[in-house]
Amino acid sequence: MTECRASSFMGKFSAIKFPIKYLTAKESSELIPYVCSNCGHVEWYVEKPENFK
């Protein structure tokens, strides 16, 4: 697991690799939420997990 920070930028919710050096496309990715319609449990996934290696 990689420590990240959540950020809202230009209408998209993103994860940014920590420590934050620069806001670059190579160190961030859009967050995609998945919600259980029965209990409300939420899980978040990044669109580009390779950006966090």
C-alpha atoms as a PDB file:
ATOM      1  CA  MET A   1       0.000   0.000   0.000  1.00  0.00           C
ATOM      2  CA  THR A   2       1.156   3.534  -0.777  1.00  0.00           C
ATOM      3  CA  GLU A   3       0.295   6.500   1.446  1.00  0.00           C
ATOM      4  CA  CYS A   4      -1.714   9.092  -0.488  1.00  0.00           C
ATOM      5  CA  ARG A   5      -3.697  12.258  -0.017  1.00  0.00           C
ATOM      6  CA  ALA A   6      -7.158  12.890  -1.460  1.00  0.00           C
ATOM      7  CA  SER A   7      -7.699  16.037  -3.489  1.00  0.00           C
ATOM      8  CA  SER A   8     -10.388  17.660  -5.603  1.00  0.00           C
ATOM      9  CA  PHE A   9      -9.066  19.179  -8.800  1.00  0.00           C
ATOM     10  CA  MET A  10     -11.096  20.465 -11.745  1.00  0.00           C
ATOM     11  CA  GLY A  11     -14.247  18.580 -10.717  1.00  0.00           C
ATOM     12  CA  LYS A  12     -12.492  15.219 -10.211  1.00  0.00           C
ATOM     13  CA  PHE A  13     -11.611  13.561  -6.915  1.00  0.00           C
ATOM     14  CA  SER A  14      -8.058  12.225  -7.059  1.00  0.00           C
ATOM     15  CA  ALA A  15      -5.446  10.419  -4.983  1.00  0.00           C
ATOM     16  CA  ILE A  16      -1.978  11.987  -4.933  1.00  0.00           C
ATOM     17  CA  LYS A  17       1.146  10.016  -3.984  1.00  0.00           C
ATOM     18  CA  PHE A  18       2.631  11.112  -0.644  1.00  0.00           C
ATOM     19  CA  PRO A  19       4.919  12.872   0.037  1.00  0.00           C
ATOM     20  CA  ILE A  20       3.597  15.350  -2.493  1.00  0.00           C
ATOM     21  CA  LYS A  21       6.457  16.714  -4.586  1.00  0.00           C
ATOM     22  CA  TYR A  22       4.554  18.092  -7.549  1.00  0.00           C
ATOM     23  CA  LEU A  23       1.027  17.579  -8.781  1.00  0.00           C
ATOM     24  CA  THR A  24       1.814  15.492 -11.846  1.00  0.00           C
ATOM     25  CA  ALA A  25      -0.160  12.955 -13.843  1.00  0.00           C
ATOM     26  CA  LYS A  26       2.555  10.376 -13.001  1.00  0.00           C
ATOM     27  CA  GLU A  27       1.948  10.656  -9.238  1.00  0.00           C
ATOM     28  CA  SER A  28      -1.846  10.896  -9.151  1.00  0.00           C
ATOM     29  CA  SER A  29      -4.984   9.167 -10.408  1.00  0.00           C
ATOM     30  CA  GLU A  30      -8.720   9.733 -10.388  1.00  0.00           C
ATOM     31  CA  LEU A  31     -10.553   7.999  -7.503  1.00  0.00           C
ATOM     32  CA  ILE A  32     -13.509   5.804  -8.404  1.00  0.00           C
ATOM     33  CA  PRO A  33     -16.004   4.991  -5.614  1.00  0.00           C
ATOM     34  CA  TYR A  34     -18.013   1.774  -5.397  1.00  0.00           C
ATOM     35  CA  VAL A  35     -21.042   1.831  -3.085  1.00  0.00           C
ATOM     36  CA  CYS A  36     -23.084  -1.071  -1.706  1.00  0.00           C
ATOM     37  CA  SER A  37     -26.738  -0.179  -2.247  1.00  0.00           C
ATOM     38  CA  ASN A  38     -27.781  -2.413   0.690  1.00  0.00           C
ATOM     39  CA  CYS A  39     -25.567  -1.165   3.521  1.00  0.00           C
ATOM     40  CA  GLY A  40     -23.835   1.974   2.183  1.00  0.00           C
ATOM     41  CA  HIS A  41     -20.284   0.563   2.477  1.00  0.00           C
ATOM     42  CA  VAL A  42     -17.916   2.481   0.176  1.00  0.00           C
ATOM     43  CA  GLU A  43     -14.631   1.322  -1.363  1.00  0.00           C
ATOM     44  CA  TRP A  44     -12.369   3.596  -3.412  1.00  0.00           C
ATOM     45  CA  TYR A  45     -10.125   2.493  -6.267  1.00  0.00           C
ATOM     46  CA  VAL A  46      -7.713   4.514  -8.396  1.00  0.00           C
ATOM     47  CA  GLU A  47      -8.045   4.464 -12.167  1.00  0.00           C
ATOM     48  CA  LYS A  48      -4.252   4.130 -12.690  1.00  0.00           C
ATOM     49  CA  PRO A  49      -2.679   2.106  -9.833  1.00  0.00           C
ATOM     50  CA  GLU A  50       0.660   1.968 -11.682  1.00  0.00           C
ATOM     51  CA  ASN A  51       1.158   5.672 -10.836  1.00  0.00           C
ATOM     52  CA  PHE A  52       1.762   4.727  -7.183  1.00  0.00           C
ATOM     53  CA  LYS A  53       4.772   2.387  -7.586  1.00  0.00           C
END
